[in-house]
Amino acid sequence: MKHLFSKYIHSVCSPGEFREITEWLSDRGHEEAVGKVMEETWLEQSREEERGEAVEQGPRQGEVWAKVRLEINRKTTARVKRQLTFFRWGFAAAATLAVALVTAHFLFREVPVQHREMVQTQSVTVPHGARTSFLMPDGSMVWLNSGSTLTYASDFNQKNRNLELEGEAYFEVVKGEYPFMIHTALGKVEVTGTCLNVKSCPQENRFETTVERGSVNVHCDQLKEICRLEPGQQIRLSDGKWELLKVETDLFTSWKDGKIIFRKEYLPEVARRLERWYNVKIELDKDPRLNKIHYTGTLEMESFSEVLELLKITASINYSYNDKTRVIRITHR
């Protein structure tokens, strides 16, 4: 089953293989075998990612793997009930397992960082096509979006509440003795007890902070003064310009509830968001008419094949899938 399990987490199962592996994962009689295969897979991925770095496992191993199993059972059962076709380019159930493995990796691993003193850090990395949530040591809740990494010291909440974010995360912050500080490559957000969404993509020179409840202070070298945000406000860096906006917060926070909301978003931006959400590669034909197509609507729990069909029937586009390159190409019709 190990080979089939590997195909499952890499989203390359046939429909028959998908049914076989999900039934095997859900059978309590296979508890020990499932745990062994999952652990072997996780260790192999860890060795590959860390290039031989030793992985320390503590007494919480049994507890963590139990949580991973529960998460797999819950998610795969929900997916099977939908009876959607499983395509090679991805299905959300496979991403769920990736999140579970990443979460386990996060709980087991301590990464040494070289400073004057040895400082232990915890790091959570979520691959494209997946999302996860977890509780911070201070009781704050974090939802981490696909393609994102959150890093903080193992003594978080003992001396400070500093963390580093690359990508996108939603925070539900509790009040504490120390300020809750979110550091990104493009700006720093000081939270005083609130619900907010922070997005930082240095490679695209894009930054957003959206406040749903409470208030925050945003610090940035490019800003002449500290920017204070109240509920319904957003500060955004886009195309090299900073803007302070009044927004509908659900457009920027619904992803944590498994939804993508589009409001007159043009096809290139829609494609970019879908690439992250479903862990796929989308190429648009060099036809200027494609850049003028925009979409309004909400996606919730749809498979990628369903999304492509929705895009096709609501606009003048066709799509094709290259099985060798795993690239979806969109053309105007």
C-alpha atoms as a PDB file:
ATOM      1  CA  MET A   1       0.000   0.000   0.000  1.00  0.00           C
ATOM      2  CA  LYS A   2       2.971   2.313   0.419  1.00  0.00           C
ATOM      3  CA  HIS A   3       3.257   2.902  -3.343  1.00  0.00           C
ATOM      4  CA  LEU A   4      -0.471   3.621  -3.584  1.00  0.00           C
ATOM      5  CA  PHE A   5      -0.257   5.892  -0.548  1.00  0.00           C
ATOM      6  CA  SER A   6       2.535   7.844  -2.275  1.00  0.00           C
ATOM      7  CA  LYS A   7       0.386   8.260  -5.392  1.00  0.00           C
ATOM      8  CA  TYR A   8      -2.481   9.442  -3.166  1.00  0.00           C
ATOM      9  CA  ILE A   9      -0.548  12.273  -1.501  1.00  0.00           C
ATOM     10  CA  HIS A  10       0.882  13.382  -4.853  1.00  0.00           C
ATOM     11  CA  SER A  11      -2.597  13.518  -6.464  1.00  0.00           C
ATOM     12  CA  VAL A  12      -1.957  10.952  -9.200  1.00  0.00           C
ATOM     13  CA  CYS A  13      -4.433   8.195  -8.262  1.00  0.00           C
ATOM     14  CA  SER A  14      -6.935   6.814 -10.722  1.00  0.00           C
ATOM     15  CA  PRO A  15     -10.576   6.798  -9.505  1.00  0.00           C
ATOM     16  CA  GLY A  16     -10.259   3.110  -8.589  1.00  0.00           C
ATOM     17  CA  GLU A  17      -6.997   3.641  -6.733  1.00  0.00           C
ATOM     18  CA  PHE A  18      -8.493   6.603  -4.889  1.00  0.00           C
ATOM     19  CA  ARG A  19     -11.414   4.492  -3.630  1.00  0.00           C
ATOM     20  CA  GLU A  20      -9.031   1.710  -2.583  1.00  0.00           C
ATOM     21  CA  ILE A  21      -6.672   3.954  -0.601  1.00  0.00           C
ATOM     22  CA  THR A  22      -9.417   5.967   1.136  1.00  0.00           C
ATOM     23  CA  GLU A  23     -11.191   2.762   2.201  1.00  0.00           C
ATOM     24  CA  TRP A  24      -7.895   1.431   3.554  1.00  0.00           C
ATOM     25  CA  LEU A  25      -7.201   4.658   5.452  1.00  0.00           C
ATOM     26  CA  SER A  26     -10.693   4.658   6.980  1.00  0.00           C
ATOM     27  CA  ASP A  27     -10.576   1.017   8.181  1.00  0.00           C
ATOM     28  CA  ARG A  28      -9.726   0.971  11.906  1.00  0.00           C
ATOM     29  CA  GLY A  29      -8.340  -2.536  11.471  1.00  0.00           C
ATOM     30  CA  HIS A  30      -5.462  -1.000   9.529  1.00  0.00           C
ATOM     31  CA  GLU A  31      -4.610   1.512  12.255  1.00  0.00           C
ATOM     32  CA  GLU A  32      -1.109   0.170  12.888  1.00  0.00           C
ATOM     33  CA  ALA A  33      -0.290  -0.287   9.197  1.00  0.00           C
ATOM     34  CA  VAL A  34      -1.579   3.192   8.321  1.00  0.00           C
ATOM     35  CA  GLY A  35       0.506   4.738  11.079  1.00  0.00           C
ATOM     36  CA  LYS A  36       3.615   2.907   9.875  1.00  0.00           C
ATOM     37  CA  VAL A  37       3.161   3.954   6.238  1.00  0.00           C
ATOM     38  CA  MET A  38       2.421   7.550   7.217  1.00  0.00           C
ATOM     39  CA  GLU A  39       5.470   7.723   9.463  1.00  0.00           C
ATOM     40  CA  GLU A  40       7.744   6.218   6.809  1.00  0.00           C
ATOM     41  CA  THR A  41       6.411   8.659   4.209  1.00  0.00           C
ATOM     42  CA  TRP A  42       6.814  11.622   6.532  1.00  0.00           C
ATOM     43  CA  LEU A  43      10.368  10.616   7.446  1.00  0.00           C
ATOM     44  CA  GLU A  44      11.311  10.175   3.792  1.00  0.00           C
ATOM     45  CA  GLN A  45       9.912  13.610   2.936  1.00  0.00           C
ATOM     46  CA  SER A  46      11.674  15.126   5.929  1.00  0.00           C
ATOM     47  CA  ARG A  47      15.017  13.644   4.882  1.00  0.00           C
ATOM     48  CA  GLU A  48      14.549  14.909   1.359  1.00  0.00           C
ATOM     49  CA  GLU A  49      13.535  18.402   2.492  1.00  0.00           C
ATOM     50  CA  GLU A  50      16.184  18.711   5.179  1.00  0.00           C
ATOM     51  CA  ARG A  51      18.885  16.912   3.129  1.00  0.00           C
ATOM     52  CA  GLY A  52      19.780  14.497   5.839  1.00  0.00           C
ATOM     53  CA  GLU A  53      19.000  16.653   8.878  1.00  0.00           C
ATOM     54  CA  ALA A  54      18.037  14.456  11.843  1.00  0.00           C
ATOM     55  CA  VAL A  55      14.413  14.615  12.957  1.00  0.00           C
ATOM     56  CA  GLU A  56      13.763  14.447  16.665  1.00  0.00           C
ATOM     57  CA  GLN A  57      10.631  12.657  17.855  1.00  0.00           C
ATOM     58  CA  GLY A  58       9.256  13.201  21.305  1.00  0.00           C
ATOM     59  CA  PRO A  59       6.683  11.591  23.561  1.00  0.00           C
ATOM     60  CA  ARG A  60       3.857  13.407  21.735  1.00  0.00           C
ATOM     61  CA  GLN A  61       4.286  11.205  18.658  1.00  0.00           C
ATOM     62  CA  GLY A  62       1.336   8.918  19.407  1.00  0.00           C
ATOM     63  CA  GLU A  63      -0.926  11.848  20.208  1.00  0.00           C
ATOM     64  CA  VAL A  64      -0.018  13.679  17.002  1.00  0.00           C
ATOM     65  CA  TRP A  65      -0.498  10.696  14.730  1.00  0.00           C
ATOM     66  CA  ALA A  66      -3.889  10.067  16.341  1.00  0.00           C
ATOM     67  CA  LYS A  67      -4.887  13.622  15.434  1.00  0.00           C
ATOM     68  CA  VAL A  68      -3.590  13.118  11.913  1.00  0.00           C
ATOM     69  CA  ARG A  69      -5.683   9.956  11.504  1.00  0.00           C
ATOM     70  CA  LEU A  70      -8.805  11.703  12.776  1.00  0.00           C
ATOM     71  CA  GLU A  71      -8.259  14.562  10.330  1.00  0.00           C
ATOM     72  CA  ILE A  72      -7.824  12.157   7.415  1.00  0.00           C
ATOM     73  CA  ASN A  73     -10.956  10.192   8.331  1.00  0.00           C
ATOM     74  CA  ARG A  74     -13.025  13.357   8.670  1.00  0.00           C
ATOM     75  CA  LYS A  75     -11.859  14.936   5.419  1.00  0.00           C
ATOM     76  CA  THR A  76     -11.812  11.850   3.206  1.00  0.00           C
ATOM     77  CA  THR A  77     -15.284  10.812   4.365  1.00  0.00           C
ATOM     78  CA  ALA A  78     -16.637  14.232   3.439  1.00  0.00           C
ATOM     79  CA  ARG A  79     -14.986  14.002   0.020  1.00  0.00           C
ATOM     80  CA  VAL A  80     -16.227  10.475  -0.744  1.00  0.00           C
ATOM     81  CA  LYS A  81     -19.817  11.492   0.017  1.00  0.00           C
ATOM     82  CA  ARG A  82     -19.572  14.148  -2.699  1.00  0.00           C
ATOM     83  CA  GLN A  83     -18.755  11.396  -5.269  1.00  0.00           C
ATOM     84  CA  LEU A  84     -16.730  13.746  -7.431  1.00  0.00           C
ATOM     85  CA  THR A  85     -14.478  12.508 -10.223  1.00  0.00           C
ATOM     86  CA  PHE A  86     -10.835  12.364  -9.183  1.00  0.00           C
ATOM     87  CA  PHE A  87      -8.587  13.895 -11.823  1.00  0.00           C
ATOM     88  CA  ARG A  88      -4.806  13.661 -12.043  1.00  0.00           C
ATOM     89  CA  TRP A  89      -4.351  17.390 -11.527  1.00  0.00           C
ATOM     90  CA  GLY A  90      -5.635  17.359  -8.018  1.00  0.00           C
ATOM     91  CA  PHE A  91      -8.320  16.720  -5.459  1.00  0.00           C
ATOM     92  CA  ALA A  92      -8.671  18.422  -2.099  1.00  0.00           C
ATOM     93  CA  ALA A  93      -8.574  15.156  -0.129  1.00  0.00           C
ATOM     94  CA  ALA A  94      -4.976  14.558  -1.145  1.00  0.00           C
ATOM     95  CA  ALA A  95      -4.057  18.054  -0.009  1.00  0.00           C
ATOM     96  CA  THR A  96      -5.622  17.304   3.365  1.00  0.00           C
ATOM     97  CA  LEU A  97      -3.071  14.583   3.978  1.00  0.00           C
ATOM     98  CA  ALA A  98      -0.265  16.925   2.953  1.00  0.00           C
ATOM     99  CA  VAL A  99      -1.461  19.342   5.627  1.00  0.00           C
ATOM    100  CA  ALA A 100      -1.595  16.552   8.183  1.00  0.00           C
ATOM    101  CA  LEU A 101       1.972  15.517   7.401  1.00  0.00           C
ATOM    102  CA  VAL A 102       3.150  19.119   7.552  1.00  0.00           C
ATOM    103  CA  THR A 103       1.390  19.578  10.893  1.00  0.00           C
ATOM    104  CA  ALA A 104       3.052  16.451  12.262  1.00  0.00           C
ATOM    105  CA  HIS A 105       6.401  17.655  10.953  1.00  0.00           C
ATOM    106  CA  PHE A 106       5.823  20.981  12.704  1.00  0.00           C
ATOM    107  CA  LEU A 107       4.990  19.324  16.022  1.00  0.00           C
ATOM    108  CA  PHE A 108       7.949  16.942  15.978  1.00  0.00           C
ATOM    109  CA  ARG A 109      10.697  19.201  14.685  1.00  0.00           C
ATOM    110  CA  GLU A 110      12.806  21.857  16.331  1.00  0.00           C
ATOM    111  CA  VAL A 111      15.063  23.765  13.948  1.00  0.00           C
ATOM    112  CA  PRO A 112      18.257  25.280  15.388  1.00  0.00           C
ATOM    113  CA  VAL A 113      19.019  28.850  14.292  1.00  0.00           C
ATOM    114  CA  GLN A 114      22.536  30.188  14.739  1.00  0.00           C
ATOM    115  CA  HIS A 115      22.683  33.295  16.939  1.00  0.00           C
ATOM    116  CA  ARG A 116      24.892  34.271  19.843  1.00  0.00           C
ATOM    117  CA  GLU A 117      22.673  31.917  21.829  1.00  0.00           C
ATOM    118  CA  MET A 118      21.040  28.792  20.482  1.00  0.00           C
ATOM    119  CA  VAL A 119      17.415  29.634  19.722  1.00  0.00           C
ATOM    120  CA  GLN A 120      14.880  26.948  18.878  1.00  0.00           C
ATOM    121  CA  THR A 121      12.175  27.824  16.352  1.00  0.00           C
ATOM    122  CA  GLN A 122       8.967  26.185  15.233  1.00  0.00           C
ATOM    123  CA  SER A 123       8.018  26.428  11.575  1.00  0.00           C
ATOM    124  CA  VAL A 124       4.775  25.496   9.816  1.00  0.00           C
ATOM    125  CA  THR A 125       4.843  25.274   6.022  1.00  0.00           C
ATOM    126  CA  VAL A 126       1.697  24.545   4.015  1.00  0.00           C
ATOM    127  CA  PRO A 127       2.093  23.415   0.382  1.00  0.00           C
ATOM    128  CA  HIS A 128       0.067  24.822  -2.478  1.00  0.00           C
ATOM    129  CA  GLY A 129      -3.356  23.217  -2.654  1.00  0.00           C
ATOM    130  CA  ALA A 130      -3.712  22.857   1.119  1.00  0.00           C
ATOM    131  CA  ARG A 131      -4.661  24.854   4.207  1.00  0.00           C
ATOM    132  CA  THR A 132      -4.367  24.211   7.932  1.00  0.00           C
ATOM    133  CA  SER A 133      -5.179  25.748  11.306  1.00  0.00           C
ATOM    134  CA  PHE A 134      -3.589  25.438  14.730  1.00  0.00           C
ATOM    135  CA  LEU A 135      -3.510  26.940  18.215  1.00  0.00           C
ATOM    136  CA  MET A 136      -0.547  29.095  19.252  1.00  0.00           C
ATOM    137  CA  PRO A 137       1.010  28.693  22.744  1.00  0.00           C
ATOM    138  CA  ASP A 138      -0.718  31.894  23.934  1.00  0.00           C
ATOM    139  CA  GLY A 139      -4.170  30.615  22.914  1.00  0.00           C
ATOM    140  CA  SER A 140      -4.384  32.597  19.665  1.00  0.00           C
ATOM    141  CA  MET A 141      -5.755  30.753  16.638  1.00  0.00           C
ATOM    142  CA  VAL A 142      -4.037  30.758  13.242  1.00  0.00           C
ATOM    143  CA  TRP A 143      -5.325  29.673   9.841  1.00  0.00           C
ATOM    144  CA  LEU A 144      -2.459  29.271   7.339  1.00  0.00           C
ATOM    145  CA  ASN A 145      -3.218  29.451   3.623  1.00  0.00           C
ATOM    146  CA  SER A 146      -1.619  27.451   0.825  1.00  0.00           C
ATOM    147  CA  GLY A 147       1.990  28.152  -0.070  1.00  0.00           C
ATOM    148  CA  SER A 148       2.617  29.897   3.269  1.00  0.00           C
ATOM    149  CA  THR A 149       5.116  29.575   6.118  1.00  0.00           C
ATOM    150  CA  LEU A 150       4.810  30.733   9.730  1.00  0.00           C
ATOM    151  CA  THR A 151       7.848  30.723  12.038  1.00  0.00           C
ATOM    152  CA  TYR A 152       8.180  31.583  15.734  1.00  0.00           C
ATOM    153  CA  ALA A 153      10.498  30.884  18.665  1.00  0.00           C
ATOM    154  CA  SER A 154       9.833  27.890  20.898  1.00  0.00           C
ATOM    155  CA  ASP A 155       9.662  30.278  23.875  1.00  0.00           C
ATOM    156  CA  PHE A 156       6.817  32.206  22.225  1.00  0.00           C
ATOM    157  CA  ASN A 157       4.707  33.992  24.866  1.00  0.00           C
ATOM    158  CA  GLN A 158       7.459  33.693  27.488  1.00  0.00           C
ATOM    159  CA  LYS A 159       9.461  36.772  26.444  1.00  0.00           C
ATOM    160  CA  ASN A 160       7.499  38.074  23.468  1.00  0.00           C
ATOM    161  CA  ARG A 161       4.871  37.146  20.894  1.00  0.00           C
ATOM    162  CA  ASN A 162       6.871  37.680  17.704  1.00  0.00           C
ATOM    163  CA  LEU A 163       6.391  35.580  14.606  1.00  0.00           C
ATOM    164  CA  GLU A 164       7.375  35.702  10.941  1.00  0.00           C
ATOM    165  CA  LEU A 165       4.987  35.162   8.042  1.00  0.00           C
ATOM    166  CA  GLU A 166       5.572  34.531   4.379  1.00  0.00           C
ATOM    167  CA  GLY A 167       2.338  34.049   2.471  1.00  0.00           C
ATOM    168  CA  GLU A 168      -1.128  34.464   3.952  1.00  0.00           C
ATOM    169  CA  ALA A 169      -2.657  33.804   7.365  1.00  0.00           C
ATOM    170  CA  TYR A 170      -5.758  34.695   9.339  1.00  0.00           C
ATOM    171  CA  PHE A 171      -5.250  35.408  13.034  1.00  0.00           C
ATOM    172  CA  GLU A 172      -7.687  35.337  15.939  1.00  0.00           C
ATOM    173  CA  VAL A 173      -5.506  36.941  18.587  1.00  0.00           C
ATOM    174  CA  VAL A 174      -6.144  36.786  22.330  1.00  0.00           C
ATOM    175  CA  LYS A 175      -4.983  39.503  24.689  1.00  0.00           C
ATOM    176  CA  GLY A 176      -1.688  38.836  26.408  1.00  0.00           C
ATOM    177  CA  GLU A 177       1.160  40.297  28.400  1.00  0.00           C
ATOM    178  CA  TYR A 178       3.233  40.962  25.280  1.00  0.00           C
ATOM    179  CA  PRO A 179       2.268  42.638  21.980  1.00  0.00           C
ATOM    180  CA  PHE A 180       1.422  40.202  19.194  1.00  0.00           C
ATOM    181  CA  MET A 181       3.841  41.138  16.368  1.00  0.00           C
ATOM    182  CA  ILE A 182       3.585  39.728  12.839  1.00  0.00           C
ATOM    183  CA  HIS A 183       6.802  40.341  10.902  1.00  0.00           C
ATOM    184  CA  THR A 184       6.849  40.101   7.101  1.00  0.00           C
ATOM    185  CA  ALA A 185       9.366  41.073   4.441  1.00  0.00           C
ATOM    186  CA  LEU A 186       7.224  44.081   3.477  1.00  0.00           C
ATOM    187  CA  GLY A 187       5.857  45.321   6.789  1.00  0.00           C
ATOM    188  CA  LYS A 188       5.195  44.639  10.466  1.00  0.00           C
ATOM    189  CA  VAL A 189       1.739  44.339  12.048  1.00  0.00           C
ATOM    190  CA  GLU A 190       1.219  45.036  15.756  1.00  0.00           C
ATOM    191  CA  VAL A 191      -1.968  43.382  17.006  1.00  0.00           C
ATOM    192  CA  THR A 192      -3.714  44.389  20.213  1.00  0.00           C
ATOM    193  CA  GLY A 193      -6.354  41.642  20.328  1.00  0.00           C
ATOM    194  CA  THR A 194      -8.344  41.209  17.156  1.00  0.00           C
ATOM    195  CA  CYS A 195      -9.234  39.182  14.072  1.00  0.00           C
ATOM    196  CA  LEU A 196      -7.302  40.019  10.934  1.00  0.00           C
ATOM    197  CA  ASN A 197      -5.904  38.673   7.691  1.00  0.00           C
ATOM    198  CA  VAL A 198      -2.290  39.306   6.654  1.00  0.00           C
ATOM    199  CA  LYS A 199      -0.880  38.563   3.222  1.00  0.00           C
ATOM    200  CA  SER A 200       2.740  39.126   2.248  1.00  0.00           C
ATOM    201  CA  CYS A 201       4.183  38.034  -1.105  1.00  0.00           C
ATOM    202  CA  PRO A 202       7.671  39.577  -1.452  1.00  0.00           C
ATOM    203  CA  GLN A 203       8.262  37.997  -4.862  1.00  0.00           C
ATOM    204  CA  GLU A 204       5.218  39.891  -6.173  1.00  0.00           C
ATOM    205  CA  ASN A 205       5.836  43.001  -4.026  1.00  0.00           C
ATOM    206  CA  ARG A 206       2.308  42.621  -2.614  1.00  0.00           C
ATOM    207  CA  PHE A 207       1.166  43.158   0.957  1.00  0.00           C
ATOM    208  CA  GLU A 208      -2.290  43.321   2.550  1.00  0.00           C
ATOM    209  CA  THR A 209      -3.602  43.603   6.069  1.00  0.00           C
ATOM    210  CA  THR A 210      -7.370  43.439   6.541  1.00  0.00           C
ATOM    211  CA  VAL A 211      -9.018  43.958   9.942  1.00  0.00           C
ATOM    212  CA  GLU A 212     -12.256  42.127  10.712  1.00  0.00           C
ATOM    213  CA  ARG A 213     -12.497  42.932  14.429  1.00  0.00           C
ATOM    214  CA  GLY A 214     -10.436  45.068  16.795  1.00  0.00           C
ATOM    215  CA  SER A 215      -7.566  47.238  15.571  1.00  0.00           C
ATOM    216  CA  VAL A 216      -3.924  46.961  14.503  1.00  0.00           C
ATOM    217  CA  ASN A 217      -0.922  49.179  13.837  1.00  0.00           C
ATOM    218  CA  VAL A 218       1.009  48.632  10.610  1.00  0.00           C
ATOM    219  CA  HIS A 219       4.695  49.613  10.509  1.00  0.00           C
ATOM    220  CA  CYS A 220       6.656  49.944   7.282  1.00  0.00           C
ATOM    221  CA  ASP A 221       9.786  51.857   6.300  1.00  0.00           C
ATOM    222  CA  GLN A 222       8.010  53.139   3.182  1.00  0.00           C
ATOM    223  CA  LEU A 223       5.201  54.688   5.256  1.00  0.00           C
ATOM    224  CA  LYS A 224       5.909  58.069   6.832  1.00  0.00           C
ATOM    225  CA  GLU A 225       3.944  57.155   9.958  1.00  0.00           C
ATOM    226  CA  ILE A 226       2.324  54.179  11.669  1.00  0.00           C
ATOM    227  CA  CYS A 227      -0.990  53.273  10.032  1.00  0.00           C
ATOM    228  CA  ARG A 228      -3.792  52.302  12.419  1.00  0.00           C
ATOM    229  CA  LEU A 229      -6.535  50.084  11.006  1.00  0.00           C
ATOM    230  CA  GLU A 230     -10.070  49.675  12.338  1.00  0.00           C
ATOM    231  CA  PRO A 231     -12.673  46.996  11.433  1.00  0.00           C
ATOM    232  CA  GLY A 232     -13.496  46.948   7.723  1.00  0.00           C
ATOM    233  CA  GLN A 233     -10.256  48.674   6.756  1.00  0.00           C
ATOM    234  CA  GLN A 234      -7.383  47.360   4.700  1.00  0.00           C
ATOM    235  CA  ILE A 235      -3.917  48.645   3.891  1.00  0.00           C
ATOM    236  CA  ARG A 236      -2.515  47.364   0.628  1.00  0.00           C
ATOM    237  CA  LEU A 237       0.732  47.529  -1.308  1.00  0.00           C
ATOM    238  CA  SER A 238       0.119  46.862  -5.004  1.00  0.00           C
ATOM    239  CA  ASP A 239       1.995  48.019  -8.092  1.00  0.00           C
ATOM    240  CA  GLY A 240       4.414  49.883  -5.831  1.00  0.00           C
ATOM    241  CA  LYS A 241       1.686  52.029  -4.235  1.00  0.00           C
ATOM    242  CA  TRP A 242       0.251  51.954  -0.702  1.00  0.00           C
ATOM    243  CA  GLU A 243      -3.511  52.365  -0.312  1.00  0.00           C
ATOM    244  CA  LEU A 244      -5.843  52.580   2.688  1.00  0.00           C
ATOM    245  CA  LEU A 245      -9.231  51.130   1.746  1.00  0.00           C
ATOM    246  CA  LYS A 246     -12.681  50.371   3.111  1.00  0.00           C
ATOM    247  CA  VAL A 247     -13.457  46.779   2.111  1.00  0.00           C
ATOM    248  CA  GLU A 248     -15.874  43.882   2.482  1.00  0.00           C
ATOM    249  CA  THR A 249     -13.754  41.757   4.790  1.00  0.00           C
ATOM    250  CA  ASP A 250     -15.287  38.437   3.728  1.00  0.00           C
ATOM    251  CA  LEU A 251     -13.687  38.855   0.299  1.00  0.00           C
ATOM    252  CA  PHE A 252     -10.299  38.511   1.994  1.00  0.00           C
ATOM    253  CA  THR A 253     -11.050  36.132   4.880  1.00  0.00           C
ATOM    254  CA  SER A 254     -13.466  33.546   3.425  1.00  0.00           C
ATOM    255  CA  TRP A 255     -10.607  31.275   2.337  1.00  0.00           C
ATOM    256  CA  LYS A 256     -10.233  30.036   5.924  1.00  0.00           C
ATOM    257  CA  ASP A 257     -13.775  28.634   5.680  1.00  0.00           C
ATOM    258  CA  GLY A 258     -13.037  26.835   2.418  1.00  0.00           C
ATOM    259  CA  LYS A 259     -14.468  29.494   0.109  1.00  0.00           C
ATOM    260  CA  ILE A 260     -13.049  31.675  -2.655  1.00  0.00           C
ATOM    261  CA  ILE A 261     -15.079  34.795  -3.430  1.00  0.00           C
ATOM    262  CA  PHE A 262     -14.599  36.702  -6.679  1.00  0.00           C
ATOM    263  CA  ARG A 263     -15.953  40.212  -7.251  1.00  0.00           C
ATOM    264  CA  LYS A 264     -15.367  41.281 -10.865  1.00  0.00           C
ATOM    265  CA  GLU A 265     -11.889  39.751 -10.817  1.00  0.00           C
ATOM    266  CA  TYR A 266     -10.161  39.431 -14.168  1.00  0.00           C
ATOM    267  CA  LEU A 267      -9.114  36.047 -15.489  1.00  0.00           C
ATOM    268  CA  PRO A 268      -5.327  36.437 -14.884  1.00  0.00           C
ATOM    269  CA  GLU A 269      -5.967  37.118 -11.174  1.00  0.00           C
ATOM    270  CA  VAL A 270      -8.544  34.311 -11.000  1.00  0.00           C
ATOM    271  CA  ALA A 271      -5.992  31.917 -12.524  1.00  0.00           C
ATOM    272  CA  ARG A 272      -3.316  33.007 -10.048  1.00  0.00           C
ATOM    273  CA  ARG A 273      -5.602  32.352  -7.075  1.00  0.00           C
ATOM    274  CA  LEU A 274      -6.712  28.975  -8.434  1.00  0.00           C
ATOM    275  CA  GLU A 275      -3.087  27.902  -8.918  1.00  0.00           C
ATOM    276  CA  ARG A 276      -2.423  28.363  -5.215  1.00  0.00           C
ATOM    277  CA  TRP A 277      -5.753  26.929  -4.088  1.00  0.00           C
ATOM    278  CA  TYR A 278      -5.587  23.713  -6.140  1.00  0.00           C
ATOM    279  CA  ASN A 279      -1.805  23.365  -6.565  1.00  0.00           C
ATOM    280  CA  VAL A 280      -1.952  23.443 -10.353  1.00  0.00           C
ATOM    281  CA  LYS A 281      -0.191  25.314 -13.141  1.00  0.00           C
ATOM    282  CA  ILE A 282      -2.389  27.438 -15.412  1.00  0.00           C
ATOM    283  CA  GLU A 283      -1.190  29.086 -18.602  1.00  0.00           C
ATOM    284  CA  LEU A 284      -3.262  31.690 -20.444  1.00  0.00           C
ATOM    285  CA  ASP A 285      -3.007  31.953 -24.198  1.00  0.00           C
ATOM    286  CA  LYS A 286      -1.512  35.231 -25.460  1.00  0.00           C
ATOM    287  CA  ASP A 287      -4.907  36.517 -26.522  1.00  0.00           C
ATOM    288  CA  PRO A 288      -5.757  40.025 -25.213  1.00  0.00           C
ATOM    289  CA  ARG A 289      -9.431  39.068 -25.047  1.00  0.00           C
ATOM    290  CA  LEU A 290      -8.679  36.762 -22.111  1.00  0.00           C
ATOM    291  CA  ASN A 291      -7.469  39.719 -20.025  1.00  0.00           C
ATOM    292  CA  LYS A 292     -10.889  41.362 -20.364  1.00  0.00           C
ATOM    293  CA  ILE A 293     -12.865  38.418 -18.969  1.00  0.00           C
ATOM    294  CA  HIS A 294     -13.914  38.855 -15.350  1.00  0.00           C
ATOM    295  CA  TYR A 295     -15.798  36.706 -12.856  1.00  0.00           C
ATOM    296  CA  THR A 296     -18.107  37.253  -9.894  1.00  0.00           C
ATOM    297  CA  GLY A 297     -19.128  34.359  -7.679  1.00  0.00           C
ATOM    298  CA  THR A 298     -18.234  32.012  -4.833  1.00  0.00           C
ATOM    299  CA  LEU A 299     -16.444  28.669  -5.000  1.00  0.00           C
ATOM    300  CA  GLU A 300     -17.014  26.286  -2.109  1.00  0.00           C
ATOM    301  CA  MET A 301     -15.713  22.699  -1.998  1.00  0.00           C
ATOM    302  CA  GLU A 302     -15.733  22.341  -5.797  1.00  0.00           C
ATOM    303  CA  SER A 303     -13.181  20.039  -7.387  1.00  0.00           C
ATOM    304  CA  PHE A 304     -10.853  21.660  -9.900  1.00  0.00           C
ATOM    305  CA  SER A 305     -12.581  19.875 -12.772  1.00  0.00           C
ATOM    306  CA  GLU A 306     -15.869  21.466 -11.694  1.00  0.00           C
ATOM    307  CA  VAL A 307     -14.231  24.886 -11.473  1.00  0.00           C
ATOM    308  CA  LEU A 308     -12.892  24.607 -15.019  1.00  0.00           C
ATOM    309  CA  GLU A 309     -16.340  23.716 -16.293  1.00  0.00           C
ATOM    310  CA  LEU A 310     -17.835  26.693 -14.438  1.00  0.00           C
ATOM    311  CA  LEU A 311     -15.263  29.025 -15.988  1.00  0.00           C
ATOM    312  CA  LYS A 312     -15.980  27.562 -19.407  1.00  0.00           C
ATOM    313  CA  ILE A 313     -19.767  27.915 -19.319  1.00  0.00           C
ATOM    314  CA  THR A 314     -19.717  31.458 -17.915  1.00  0.00           C
ATOM    315  CA  ALA A 315     -17.234  32.898 -20.444  1.00  0.00           C
ATOM    316  CA  SER A 316     -15.901  32.286 -23.947  1.00  0.00           C
ATOM    317  CA  ILE A 317     -12.990  30.037 -23.011  1.00  0.00           C
ATOM    318  CA  ASN A 318     -11.741  26.532 -23.657  1.00  0.00           C
ATOM    319  CA  TYR A 319      -9.188  24.590 -21.649  1.00  0.00           C
ATOM    320  CA  SER A 320      -6.884  21.631 -22.195  1.00  0.00           C
ATOM    321  CA  TYR A 321      -4.725  19.545 -19.893  1.00  0.00           C
ATOM    322  CA  ASN A 322      -1.240  18.302 -20.760  1.00  0.00           C
ATOM    323  CA  ASP A 323      -0.737  15.012 -18.948  1.00  0.00           C
ATOM    324  CA  LYS A 324       3.064  15.161 -19.300  1.00  0.00           C
ATOM    325  CA  THR A 325       3.638  18.713 -18.040  1.00  0.00           C
ATOM    326  CA  ARG A 326       0.551  18.770 -15.761  1.00  0.00           C
ATOM    327  CA  VAL A 327      -0.303  22.224 -17.117  1.00  0.00           C
ATOM    328  CA  ILE A 328      -3.812  23.527 -17.826  1.00  0.00           C
ATOM    329  CA  ARG A 329      -3.928  25.836 -20.835  1.00  0.00           C
ATOM    330  CA  ILE A 330      -6.805  28.300 -21.285  1.00  0.00           C
ATOM    331  CA  THR A 331      -7.675  29.743 -24.692  1.00  0.00           C
ATOM    332  CA  HIS A 332     -10.389  32.047 -26.029  1.00  0.00           C
ATOM    333  CA  ARG A 333     -13.068  30.475 -28.178  1.00  0.00           C
END
